[in-house]
Amino acid sequence: MKLTIKHTSQYTGTIMIDNEIVETLSQSFDEDGHMNGGTALYIQNKDKYYANLQECRAKEDEFKAEMRKIEDQSVISKDTVEDSTNTTEDVEKNESEE
């Protein structure tokens, strides 16, 4: 028997109209900082959502863009850490293999 524990992150966003939550968005990230699956959307008030469809979709796009920024920052920082652990010999070896 084995127990595996992984660190993950979950971000949520809300779209509100007239102080009422119209839609909730969520995105999870795996332990490497990559997006896990797609963005989940839950529409609480369909009448207001469809009455403001273009604006709601624009906010959905904003949320997705922010999630991409978070993923990019995670991937870039991880690559930077991995690159900084390479020695001169590692770089020379990789260059000679190319």
PDB file of N, CA and C in Angstrom:
ATOM      1  N   MET A   1       0.850  -1.177   0.000  1.00  0.00           N
ATOM      2  CA  MET A   1       0.000   0.000   0.000  1.00  0.00           C
ATOM      3  C   MET A   1       0.891   1.232   0.000  1.00  0.00           C
ATOM      4  N   LYS A   2       0.425   2.273  -0.699  1.00  0.00           N
ATOM      5  CA  LYS A   2       1.244   3.469  -0.853  1.00  0.00           C
ATOM      6  C   LYS A   2       0.356   4.712  -0.785  1.00  0.00           C
ATOM      7  N   LEU A   3       0.828   5.726  -0.082  1.00  0.00           N
ATOM      8  CA  LEU A   3       0.143   7.016  -0.027  1.00  0.00           C
ATOM      9  C   LEU A   3       0.964   8.012  -0.829  1.00  0.00           C
ATOM     10  N   THR A   4       0.324   8.682  -1.773  1.00  0.00           N
ATOM     11  CA  THR A   4       0.984   9.718  -2.558  1.00  0.00           C
ATOM     12  C   THR A   4       0.255  11.029  -2.320  1.00  0.00           C
ATOM     13  N   ILE A   5       1.006  12.049  -1.975  1.00  0.00           N
ATOM     14  CA  ILE A   5       0.424  13.373  -1.746  1.00  0.00           C
ATOM     15  C   ILE A   5       1.019  14.324  -2.767  1.00  0.00           C
ATOM     16  N   LYS A   6       0.153  15.036  -3.470  1.00  0.00           N
ATOM     17  CA  LYS A   6       0.602  15.996  -4.473  1.00  0.00           C
ATOM     18  C   LYS A   6       0.076  17.374  -4.116  1.00  0.00           C
ATOM     19  N   HIS A   7       0.918  18.367  -4.344  1.00  0.00           N
ATOM     20  CA  HIS A   7       0.521  19.755  -4.125  1.00  0.00           C
ATOM     21  C   HIS A   7      -0.150  20.262  -5.400  1.00  0.00           C
ATOM     22  N   THR A   8      -1.372  20.741  -5.282  1.00  0.00           N
ATOM     23  CA  THR A   8      -2.078  21.321  -6.417  1.00  0.00           C
ATOM     24  C   THR A   8      -2.634  22.673  -6.003  1.00  0.00           C
ATOM     25  N   SER A   9      -3.043  23.449  -6.988  1.00  0.00           N
ATOM     26  CA  SER A   9      -3.626  24.762  -6.722  1.00  0.00           C
ATOM     27  C   SER A   9      -4.940  24.889  -7.474  1.00  0.00           C
ATOM     28  N   GLN A  10      -5.851  25.631  -6.906  1.00  0.00           N
ATOM     29  CA  GLN A  10      -7.150  25.884  -7.530  1.00  0.00           C
ATOM     30  C   GLN A  10      -7.436  27.376  -7.438  1.00  0.00           C
ATOM     31  N   TYR A  11      -7.764  27.980  -8.557  1.00  0.00           N
ATOM     32  CA  TYR A  11      -8.142  29.388  -8.600  1.00  0.00           C
ATOM     33  C   TYR A  11      -9.612  29.483  -8.970  1.00  0.00           C
ATOM     34  N   THR A  12     -10.312  30.416  -8.355  1.00  0.00           N
ATOM     35  CA  THR A  12     -11.715  30.647  -8.697  1.00  0.00           C
ATOM     36  C   THR A  12     -11.928  32.125  -8.985  1.00  0.00           C
ATOM     37  N   GLY A  13     -12.872  32.381  -9.860  1.00  0.00           N
ATOM     38  CA  GLY A  13     -13.261  33.750 -10.185  1.00  0.00           C
ATOM     39  C   GLY A  13     -14.773  33.832 -10.208  1.00  0.00           C
ATOM     40  N   THR A  14     -15.287  35.006  -9.976  1.00  0.00           N
ATOM     41  CA  THR A  14     -16.736  35.202 -10.044  1.00  0.00           C
ATOM     42  C   THR A  14     -17.033  36.388 -10.944  1.00  0.00           C
ATOM     43  N   ILE A  15     -18.100  36.262 -11.695  1.00  0.00           N
ATOM     44  CA  ILE A  15     -18.615  37.364 -12.497  1.00  0.00           C
ATOM     45  C   ILE A  15     -19.896  37.813 -11.817  1.00  0.00           C
ATOM     46  N   MET A  16     -19.912  39.094 -11.462  1.00  0.00           N
ATOM     47  CA  MET A  16     -21.058  39.628 -10.723  1.00  0.00           C
ATOM     48  C   MET A  16     -21.728  40.742 -11.518  1.00  0.00           C
ATOM     49  N   ILE A  17     -23.038  40.781 -11.433  1.00  0.00           N
ATOM     50  CA  ILE A  17     -23.838  41.861 -12.004  1.00  0.00           C
ATOM     51  C   ILE A  17     -24.823  42.291 -10.927  1.00  0.00           C
ATOM     52  N   ASP A  18     -24.858  43.580 -10.644  1.00  0.00           N
ATOM     53  CA  ASP A  18     -25.760  44.124  -9.613  1.00  0.00           C
ATOM     54  C   ASP A  18     -25.586  43.403  -8.274  1.00  0.00           C
ATOM     55  N   ASN A  19     -24.338  43.201  -7.866  1.00  0.00           N
ATOM     56  CA  ASN A  19     -24.004  42.545  -6.592  1.00  0.00           C
ATOM     57  C   ASN A  19     -24.516  41.114  -6.487  1.00  0.00           C
ATOM     58  N   GLU A  20     -24.767  40.474  -7.610  1.00  0.00           N
ATOM     59  CA  GLU A  20     -25.214  39.077  -7.630  1.00  0.00           C
ATOM     60  C   GLU A  20     -24.230  38.257  -8.459  1.00  0.00           C
ATOM     61  N   ILE A  21     -23.839  37.108  -7.918  1.00  0.00           N
ATOM     62  CA  ILE A  21     -22.945  36.227  -8.669  1.00  0.00           C
ATOM     63  C   ILE A  21     -23.730  35.610  -9.814  1.00  0.00           C
ATOM     64  N   VAL A  22     -23.244  35.853 -11.023  1.00  0.00           N
ATOM     65  CA  VAL A  22     -23.886  35.323 -12.218  1.00  0.00           C
ATOM     66  C   VAL A  22     -23.181  34.049 -12.670  1.00  0.00           C
ATOM     67  N   GLU A  23     -21.861  34.026 -12.492  1.00  0.00           N
ATOM     68  CA  GLU A  23     -21.079  32.889 -12.969  1.00  0.00           C
ATOM     69  C   GLU A  23     -19.848  32.704 -12.087  1.00  0.00           C
ATOM     70  N   THR A  24     -19.480  31.447 -11.864  1.00  0.00           N
ATOM     71  CA  THR A  24     -18.256  31.104 -11.148  1.00  0.00           C
ATOM     72  C   THR A  24     -17.354  30.340 -12.105  1.00  0.00           C
ATOM     73  N   LEU A  25     -16.083  30.713 -12.118  1.00  0.00           N
ATOM     74  CA  LEU A  25     -15.093  30.054 -12.967  1.00  0.00           C
ATOM     75  C   LEU A  25     -14.024  29.442 -12.073  1.00  0.00           C
ATOM     76  N   SER A  26     -13.483  28.316 -12.476  1.00  0.00           N
ATOM     77  CA  SER A  26     -12.394  27.730 -11.697  1.00  0.00           C
ATOM     78  C   SER A  26     -11.405  27.027 -12.616  1.00  0.00           C
ATOM     79  N   GLN A  27     -10.164  27.013 -12.155  1.00  0.00           N
ATOM     80  CA  GLN A  27      -9.091  26.355 -12.895  1.00  0.00           C
ATOM     81  C   GLN A  27      -8.144  25.729 -11.883  1.00  0.00           C
ATOM     82  N   SER A  28      -7.818  24.475 -12.106  1.00  0.00           N
ATOM     83  CA  SER A  28      -6.856  23.829 -11.217  1.00  0.00           C
ATOM     84  C   SER A  28      -5.519  23.666 -11.935  1.00  0.00           C
ATOM     85  N   PHE A  29      -4.469  23.592 -11.120  1.00  0.00           N
ATOM     86  CA  PHE A  29      -3.107  23.438 -11.609  1.00  0.00           C
ATOM     87  C   PHE A  29      -2.483  22.236 -10.916  1.00  0.00           C
ATOM     88  N   ASP A  30      -1.656  21.490 -11.657  1.00  0.00           N
ATOM     89  CA  ASP A  30      -0.983  20.344 -11.053  1.00  0.00           C
ATOM     90  C   ASP A  30       0.254  20.801 -10.280  1.00  0.00           C
ATOM     91  N   GLU A  31       0.971  19.833  -9.727  1.00  0.00           N
ATOM     92  CA  GLU A  31       2.122  20.167  -8.884  1.00  0.00           C
ATOM     93  C   GLU A  31       3.272  20.812  -9.661  1.00  0.00           C
ATOM     94  N   ASP A  32       3.248  20.694 -10.983  1.00  0.00           N
ATOM     95  CA  ASP A  32       4.280  21.334 -11.804  1.00  0.00           C
ATOM     96  C   ASP A  32       3.862  22.717 -12.287  1.00  0.00           C
ATOM     97  N   GLY A  33       2.663  23.147 -11.905  1.00  0.00           N
ATOM     98  CA  GLY A  33       2.192  24.467 -12.301  1.00  0.00           C
ATOM     99  C   GLY A  33       1.499  24.508 -13.647  1.00  0.00           C
ATOM    100  N   HIS A  34       1.195  23.326 -14.199  1.00  0.00           N
ATOM    101  CA  HIS A  34       0.481  23.267 -15.473  1.00  0.00           C
ATOM    102  C   HIS A  34      -1.025  23.217 -15.220  1.00  0.00           C
ATOM    103  N   MET A  35      -1.777  23.827 -16.125  1.00  0.00           N
ATOM    104  CA  MET A  35      -3.231  23.767 -15.991  1.00  0.00           C
ATOM    105  C   MET A  35      -3.688  22.320 -16.095  1.00  0.00           C
ATOM    106  N   ASN A  36      -4.597  21.961 -15.226  1.00  0.00           N
ATOM    107  CA  ASN A  36      -5.163  20.623 -15.174  1.00  0.00           C
ATOM    108  C   ASN A  36      -6.542  20.676 -15.813  1.00  0.00           C
ATOM    109  N   GLY A  37      -6.712  20.049 -16.954  1.00  0.00           N
ATOM    110  CA  GLY A  37      -8.013  20.074 -17.608  1.00  0.00           C
ATOM    111  C   GLY A  37      -8.378  21.465 -18.087  1.00  0.00           C
ATOM    112  N   GLY A  38      -9.647  21.665 -18.327  1.00  0.00           N
ATOM    113  CA  GLY A  38     -10.123  22.957 -18.817  1.00  0.00           C
ATOM    114  C   GLY A  38     -10.674  23.814 -17.704  1.00  0.00           C
ATOM    115  N   THR A  39     -11.017  25.024 -18.062  1.00  0.00           N
ATOM    116  CA  THR A  39     -11.625  25.938 -17.112  1.00  0.00           C
ATOM    117  C   THR A  39     -13.070  25.509 -16.881  1.00  0.00           C
ATOM    118  N   ALA A  40     -13.451  25.378 -15.623  1.00  0.00           N
ATOM    119  CA  ALA A  40     -14.826  25.002 -15.281  1.00  0.00           C
ATOM    120  C   ALA A  40     -15.669  26.269 -15.143  1.00  0.00           C
ATOM    121  N   LEU A  41     -16.858  26.240 -15.726  1.00  0.00           N
ATOM    122  CA  LEU A  41     -17.785  27.365 -15.666  1.00  0.00           C
ATOM    123  C   LEU A  41     -19.091  26.890 -15.047  1.00  0.00           C
ATOM    124  N   TYR A  42     -19.592  27.652 -14.097  1.00  0.00           N
ATOM    125  CA  TYR A  42     -20.895  27.341 -13.514  1.00  0.00           C
ATOM    126  C   TYR A  42     -21.731  28.613 -13.548  1.00  0.00           C
ATOM    127  N   ILE A  43     -22.821  28.574 -14.290  1.00  0.00           N
ATOM    128  CA  ILE A  43     -23.689  29.744 -14.438  1.00  0.00           C
ATOM    129  C   ILE A  43     -24.806  29.652 -13.405  1.00  0.00           C
ATOM    130  N   GLN A  44     -24.798  30.588 -12.454  1.00  0.00           N
ATOM    131  CA  GLN A  44     -25.809  30.594 -11.402  1.00  0.00           C
ATOM    132  C   GLN A  44     -27.094  31.295 -11.837  1.00  0.00           C
ATOM    133  N   ASN A  45     -26.972  32.332 -12.652  1.00  0.00           N
ATOM    134  CA  ASN A  45     -28.148  33.093 -13.069  1.00  0.00           C
ATOM    135  C   ASN A  45     -28.156  33.167 -14.593  1.00  0.00           C
ATOM    136  N   LYS A  46     -28.872  32.223 -15.206  1.00  0.00           N
ATOM    137  CA  LYS A  46     -28.882  32.139 -16.668  1.00  0.00           C
ATOM    138  C   LYS A  46     -29.515  33.363 -17.316  1.00  0.00           C
ATOM    139  N   ASP A  47     -30.543  33.922 -16.697  1.00  0.00           N
ATOM    140  CA  ASP A  47     -31.196  35.097 -17.281  1.00  0.00           C
ATOM    141  C   ASP A  47     -30.210  36.256 -17.418  1.00  0.00           C
ATOM    142  N   LYS A  48     -29.499  36.563 -16.342  1.00  0.00           N
ATOM    143  CA  LYS A  48     -28.532  37.663 -16.388  1.00  0.00           C
ATOM    144  C   LYS A  48     -27.338  37.309 -17.270  1.00  0.00           C
ATOM    145  N   TYR A  49     -26.944  36.046 -17.245  1.00  0.00           N
ATOM    146  CA  TYR A  49     -25.818  35.619 -18.078  1.00  0.00           C
ATOM    147  C   TYR A  49     -26.127  35.857 -19.553  1.00  0.00           C
ATOM    148  N   TYR A  50     -27.271  35.354 -20.015  1.00  0.00           N
ATOM    149  CA  TYR A  50     -27.598  35.484 -21.435  1.00  0.00           C
ATOM    150  C   TYR A  50     -27.995  36.907 -21.819  1.00  0.00           C
ATOM    151  N   ALA A  51     -28.501  37.673 -20.879  1.00  0.00           N
ATOM    152  CA  ALA A  51     -28.802  39.085 -21.147  1.00  0.00           C
ATOM    153  C   ALA A  51     -27.516  39.900 -21.299  1.00  0.00           C
ATOM    154  N   ASN A  52     -26.421  39.390 -20.741  1.00  0.00           N
ATOM    155  CA  ASN A  52     -25.117  40.069 -20.781  1.00  0.00           C
ATOM    156  C   ASN A  52     -24.048  39.151 -21.373  1.00  0.00           C
ATOM    157  N   LEU A  53     -24.442  38.374 -22.360  1.00  0.00           N
ATOM    158  CA  LEU A  53     -23.595  37.308 -22.891  1.00  0.00           C
ATOM    159  C   LEU A  53     -22.221  37.802 -23.352  1.00  0.00           C
ATOM    160  N   GLN A  54     -22.177  38.865 -24.141  1.00  0.00           N
ATOM    161  CA  GLN A  54     -20.886  39.339 -24.648  1.00  0.00           C
ATOM    162  C   GLN A  54     -19.964  39.770 -23.514  1.00  0.00           C
ATOM    163  N   GLU A  55     -20.511  40.482 -22.544  1.00  0.00           N
ATOM    164  CA  GLU A  55     -19.701  40.944 -21.420  1.00  0.00           C
ATOM    165  C   GLU A  55     -19.217  39.772 -20.570  1.00  0.00           C
ATOM    166  N   CYS A  56     -20.110  38.794 -20.341  1.00  0.00           N
ATOM    167  CA  CYS A  56     -19.721  37.616 -19.555  1.00  0.00           C
ATOM    168  C   CYS A  56     -18.622  36.836 -20.263  1.00  0.00           C
ATOM    169  N   ARG A  57     -18.762  36.665 -21.568  1.00  0.00           N
ATOM    170  CA  ARG A  57     -17.732  35.934 -22.313  1.00  0.00           C
ATOM    171  C   ARG A  57     -16.409  36.685 -22.316  1.00  0.00           C
ATOM    172  N   ALA A  58     -16.475  38.005 -22.351  1.00  0.00           N
ATOM    173  CA  ALA A  58     -15.241  38.797 -22.273  1.00  0.00           C
ATOM    174  C   ALA A  58     -14.555  38.572 -20.924  1.00  0.00           C
ATOM    175  N   LYS A  59     -15.336  38.497 -19.846  1.00  0.00           N
ATOM    176  CA  LYS A  59     -14.772  38.237 -18.515  1.00  0.00           C
ATOM    177  C   LYS A  59     -14.217  36.816 -18.435  1.00  0.00           C
ATOM    178  N   GLU A  60     -14.884  35.853 -19.089  1.00  0.00           N
ATOM    179  CA  GLU A  60     -14.363  34.485 -19.136  1.00  0.00           C
ATOM    180  C   GLU A  60     -12.992  34.477 -19.818  1.00  0.00           C
ATOM    181  N   ASP A  61     -12.887  35.228 -20.914  1.00  0.00           N
ATOM    182  CA  ASP A  61     -11.609  35.318 -21.624  1.00  0.00           C
ATOM    183  C   ASP A  61     -10.536  35.961 -20.749  1.00  0.00           C
ATOM    184  N   GLU A  62     -10.914  36.980 -19.973  1.00  0.00           N
ATOM    185  CA  GLU A  62      -9.968  37.617 -19.038  1.00  0.00           C
ATOM    186  C   GLU A  62      -9.460  36.603 -18.018  1.00  0.00           C
ATOM    187  N   PHE A  63     -10.385  35.802 -17.479  1.00  0.00           N
ATOM    188  CA  PHE A  63     -10.017  34.786 -16.489  1.00  0.00           C
ATOM    189  C   PHE A  63      -9.025  33.800 -17.103  1.00  0.00           C
ATOM    190  N   LYS A  64      -9.338  33.305 -18.308  1.00  0.00           N
ATOM    191  CA  LYS A  64      -8.452  32.344 -18.968  1.00  0.00           C
ATOM    192  C   LYS A  64      -7.078  32.954 -19.242  1.00  0.00           C
ATOM    193  N   ALA A  65      -7.052  34.224 -19.636  1.00  0.00           N
ATOM    194  CA  ALA A  65      -5.771  34.896 -19.883  1.00  0.00           C
ATOM    195  C   ALA A  65      -4.951  34.984 -18.594  1.00  0.00           C
ATOM    196  N   GLU A  66      -5.609  35.276 -17.480  1.00  0.00           N
ATOM    197  CA  GLU A  66      -4.905  35.337 -16.191  1.00  0.00           C
ATOM    198  C   GLU A  66      -4.371  33.964 -15.800  1.00  0.00           C
ATOM    199  N   MET A  67      -5.143  32.914 -16.068  1.00  0.00           N
ATOM    200  CA  MET A  67      -4.693  31.561 -15.745  1.00  0.00           C
ATOM    201  C   MET A  67      -3.473  31.194 -16.587  1.00  0.00           C
ATOM    202  N   ARG A  68      -3.468  31.629 -17.846  1.00  0.00           N
ATOM    203  CA  ARG A  68      -2.301  31.376 -18.695  1.00  0.00           C
ATOM    204  C   ARG A  68      -1.071  32.100 -18.160  1.00  0.00           C
ATOM    205  N   LYS A  69      -1.255  33.323 -17.668  1.00  0.00           N
ATOM    206  CA  LYS A  69      -0.132  34.065 -17.081  1.00  0.00           C
ATOM    207  C   LYS A  69       0.434  33.319 -15.877  1.00  0.00           C
ATOM    208  N   ILE A  70      -0.458  32.799 -15.037  1.00  0.00           N
ATOM    209  CA  ILE A  70      -0.021  32.045 -13.855  1.00  0.00           C
ATOM    210  C   ILE A  70       0.746  30.803 -14.286  1.00  0.00           C
ATOM    211  N   GLU A  71       0.215  30.091 -15.279  1.00  0.00           N
ATOM    212  CA  GLU A  71       0.894  28.898 -15.776  1.00  0.00           C
ATOM    213  C   GLU A  71       2.253  29.263 -16.374  1.00  0.00           C
ATOM    214  N   ASP A  72       2.294  30.313 -17.179  1.00  0.00           N
ATOM    215  CA  ASP A  72       3.552  30.733 -17.799  1.00  0.00           C
ATOM    216  C   ASP A  72       4.595  31.094 -16.750  1.00  0.00           C
ATOM    217  N   GLN A  73       4.196  31.830 -15.717  1.00  0.00           N
ATOM    218  CA  GLN A  73       5.130  32.204 -14.657  1.00  0.00           C
ATOM    219  C   GLN A  73       5.681  30.967 -13.963  1.00  0.00           C
ATOM    220  N   SER A  74       4.829  29.996 -13.732  1.00  0.00           N
ATOM    221  CA  SER A  74       5.257  28.774 -13.060  1.00  0.00           C
ATOM    222  C   SER A  74       6.233  27.994 -13.927  1.00  0.00           C
ATOM    223  N   VAL A  75       5.903  27.853 -15.200  1.00  0.00           N
ATOM    224  CA  VAL A  75       6.753  27.091 -16.113  1.00  0.00           C
ATOM    225  C   VAL A  75       8.083  27.804 -16.314  1.00  0.00           C
ATOM    226  N   ILE A  76       8.051  29.129 -16.493  1.00  0.00           N
ATOM    227  CA  ILE A  76       9.285  29.891 -16.700  1.00  0.00           C
ATOM    228  C   ILE A  76      10.176  29.815 -15.467  1.00  0.00           C
ATOM    229  N   SER A  77       9.592  29.981 -14.282  1.00  0.00           N
ATOM    230  CA  SER A  77      10.409  29.936 -13.065  1.00  0.00           C
ATOM    231  C   SER A  77      10.980  28.542 -12.847  1.00  0.00           C
ATOM    232  N   LYS A  78      10.225  27.506 -13.192  1.00  0.00           N
ATOM    233  CA  LYS A  78      10.734  26.139 -13.052  1.00  0.00           C
ATOM    234  C   LYS A  78      11.876  25.900 -14.031  1.00  0.00           C
ATOM    235  N   ASP A  79      11.719  26.364 -15.280  1.00  0.00           N
ATOM    236  CA  ASP A  79      12.787  26.218 -16.270  1.00  0.00           C
ATOM    237  C   ASP A  79      14.035  26.970 -15.837  1.00  0.00           C
ATOM    238  N   THR A  80      13.861  28.139 -15.234  1.00  0.00           N
ATOM    239  CA  THR A  80      14.994  28.933 -14.772  1.00  0.00           C
ATOM    240  C   THR A  80      15.754  28.191 -13.678  1.00  0.00           C
ATOM    241  N   VAL A  81      15.029  27.573 -12.758  1.00  0.00           N
ATOM    242  CA  VAL A  81      15.671  26.803 -11.688  1.00  0.00           C
ATOM    243  C   VAL A  81      16.422  25.623 -12.280  1.00  0.00           C
ATOM    244  N   GLU A  82      15.795  24.907 -13.222  1.00  0.00           N
ATOM    245  CA  GLU A  82      16.466  23.765 -13.835  1.00  0.00           C
ATOM    246  C   GLU A  82      17.698  24.210 -14.607  1.00  0.00           C
ATOM    247  N   ASP A  83      17.592  25.326 -15.343  1.00  0.00           N
ATOM    248  CA  ASP A  83      18.734  25.827 -16.100  1.00  0.00           C
ATOM    249  C   ASP A  83      19.881  26.223 -15.181  1.00  0.00           C
ATOM    250  N   SER A  84      19.562  26.774 -14.022  1.00  0.00           N
ATOM    251  CA  SER A  84      20.612  27.237 -13.114  1.00  0.00           C
ATOM    252  C   SER A  84      21.347  26.079 -12.451  1.00  0.00           C
ATOM    253  N   THR A  85      20.782  24.875 -12.504  1.00  0.00           N
ATOM    254  CA  THR A  85      21.457  23.719 -11.917  1.00  0.00           C
ATOM    255  C   THR A  85      22.378  23.031 -12.918  1.00  0.00           C
ATOM    256  N   ASN A  86      22.311  23.442 -14.189  1.00  0.00           N
ATOM    257  CA  ASN A  86      23.208  22.864 -15.191  1.00  0.00           C
ATOM    258  C   ASN A  86      24.622  23.386 -14.979  1.00  0.00           C
ATOM    259  N   THR A  87      25.571  22.487 -15.102  1.00  0.00           N
ATOM    260  CA  THR A  87      26.969  22.892 -14.996  1.00  0.00           C
ATOM    261  C   THR A  87      27.498  23.230 -16.390  1.00  0.00           C
ATOM    262  N   THR A  88      28.678  23.807 -16.429  1.00  0.00           N
ATOM    263  CA  THR A  88      29.315  24.115 -17.711  1.00  0.00           C
ATOM    264  C   THR A  88      29.511  22.837 -18.512  1.00  0.00           C
ATOM    265  N   GLU A  89      29.858  21.757 -17.816  1.00  0.00           N
ATOM    266  CA  GLU A  89      30.062  20.477 -18.490  1.00  0.00           C
ATOM    267  C   GLU A  89      28.763  19.984 -19.124  1.00  0.00           C
ATOM    268  N   ASP A  90      27.626  20.178 -18.431  1.00  0.00           N
ATOM    269  CA  ASP A  90      26.334  19.770 -18.984  1.00  0.00           C
ATOM    270  C   ASP A  90      26.038  20.527 -20.273  1.00  0.00           C
ATOM    271  N   VAL A  91      26.265  21.825 -20.260  1.00  0.00           N
ATOM    272  CA  VAL A  91      25.997  22.656 -21.434  1.00  0.00           C
ATOM    273  C   VAL A  91      26.898  22.243 -22.585  1.00  0.00           C
ATOM    274  N   GLU A  92      28.193  22.046 -22.301  1.00  0.00           N
ATOM    275  CA  GLU A  92      29.129  21.645 -23.351  1.00  0.00           C
ATOM    276  C   GLU A  92      28.759  20.284 -23.920  1.00  0.00           C
ATOM    277  N   LYS A  93      28.328  19.371 -23.069  1.00  0.00           N
ATOM    278  CA  LYS A  93      27.931  18.043 -23.529  1.00  0.00           C
ATOM    279  C   LYS A  93      26.714  18.143 -24.431  1.00  0.00           C
ATOM    280  N   ASN A  94      25.706  18.926 -24.029  1.00  0.00           N
ATOM    281  CA  ASN A  94      24.505  19.095 -24.842  1.00  0.00           C
ATOM    282  C   ASN A  94      24.830  19.733 -26.188  1.00  0.00           C
ATOM    283  N   GLU A  95      25.723  20.715 -26.195  1.00  0.00           N
ATOM    284  CA  GLU A  95      26.096  21.380 -27.443  1.00  0.00           C
ATOM    285  C   GLU A  95      26.842  20.428 -28.370  1.00  0.00           C
ATOM    286  N   SER A  96      27.677  19.561 -27.812  1.00  0.00           N
ATOM    287  CA  SER A  96      28.440  18.637 -28.651  1.00  0.00           C
ATOM    288  C   SER A  96      27.543  17.549 -29.236  1.00  0.00           C
ATOM    289  N   GLU A  97      26.432  17.251 -28.566  1.00  0.00           N
ATOM    290  CA  GLU A  97      25.507  16.236 -29.063  1.00  0.00           C
ATOM    291  C   GLU A  97      24.621  16.770 -30.180  1.00  0.00           C
ATOM    292  N   GLU A  98      24.526  18.085 -30.289  1.00  0.00           N
ATOM    293  CA  GLU A  98      23.663  18.689 -31.321  1.00  0.00           C
ATOM    294  C   GLU A  98      24.325  18.728 -32.621  1.00  0.00           C
TER     295      GLU A  98
END
